Structure formats: C-alpha cells, structure tokens
C-alpha cells in the first residue's frame, strides 16, 4: 500500500494508532478482530473495561510521579481514568487521586 494511502487512516475518527512493523502497517490476526467485533454494542462501539482490578482496601504501590514508591490502600475509582488511594504521609492517611496506570499491587 502506498505510504500516502495508509497515512490518511490517521485522520479517521476513532483511530489512535496503527499496528506497524517497521514503517508499514501490519495485518491483525482474524481471531483478534473477531474478538473485538464480539464486544461491539448496537452502535458498533467497543466498550473497554478501564477499571483497575483492585478492591477497596487492597495494598498498592505508586509507580510514577512525585509519590513514586509510596505504599497505600486502594480506595476506589473516581472517574474513568483516575483512582483514589490512601497513602501514609507524615503519620496519617491522606487521600490522593492518581492515574489508574500509575499504581500496582504491593
């Protein structure tokens, strides 16, 4: 496929990136496409579960940012991308809101 033809895909609504091998797009196996289509709703949208797999009270560790390396307790999800955690700071529990991908189980 000519470079100019496939690069126009980036301006398509809903496309964030292409799976490429080197400088050219690669085919996705049919089983992956079929699995995504099976998750479509009536409008053709695929809903992904972005919620972390933690339960309230689970021990977590912050991976990145100013609080990297701090341990705390998972409190809950505040919106689609951020979670509330309770960290031990200065001898007391402090509620902090962080990105969901910046924590892991401790």
Foldseek 3Di string as FASTA:
>chain_A
DDPVVVVVCCVDPPDDDACDDPSHGDDDDPVVVVVQQVQADPVRDHDDQQFDPDDFFFKKAFCDDPRHGFIFTWHAPDDSFKGWTWTQDPNGTDIDIDGPVRMDGD
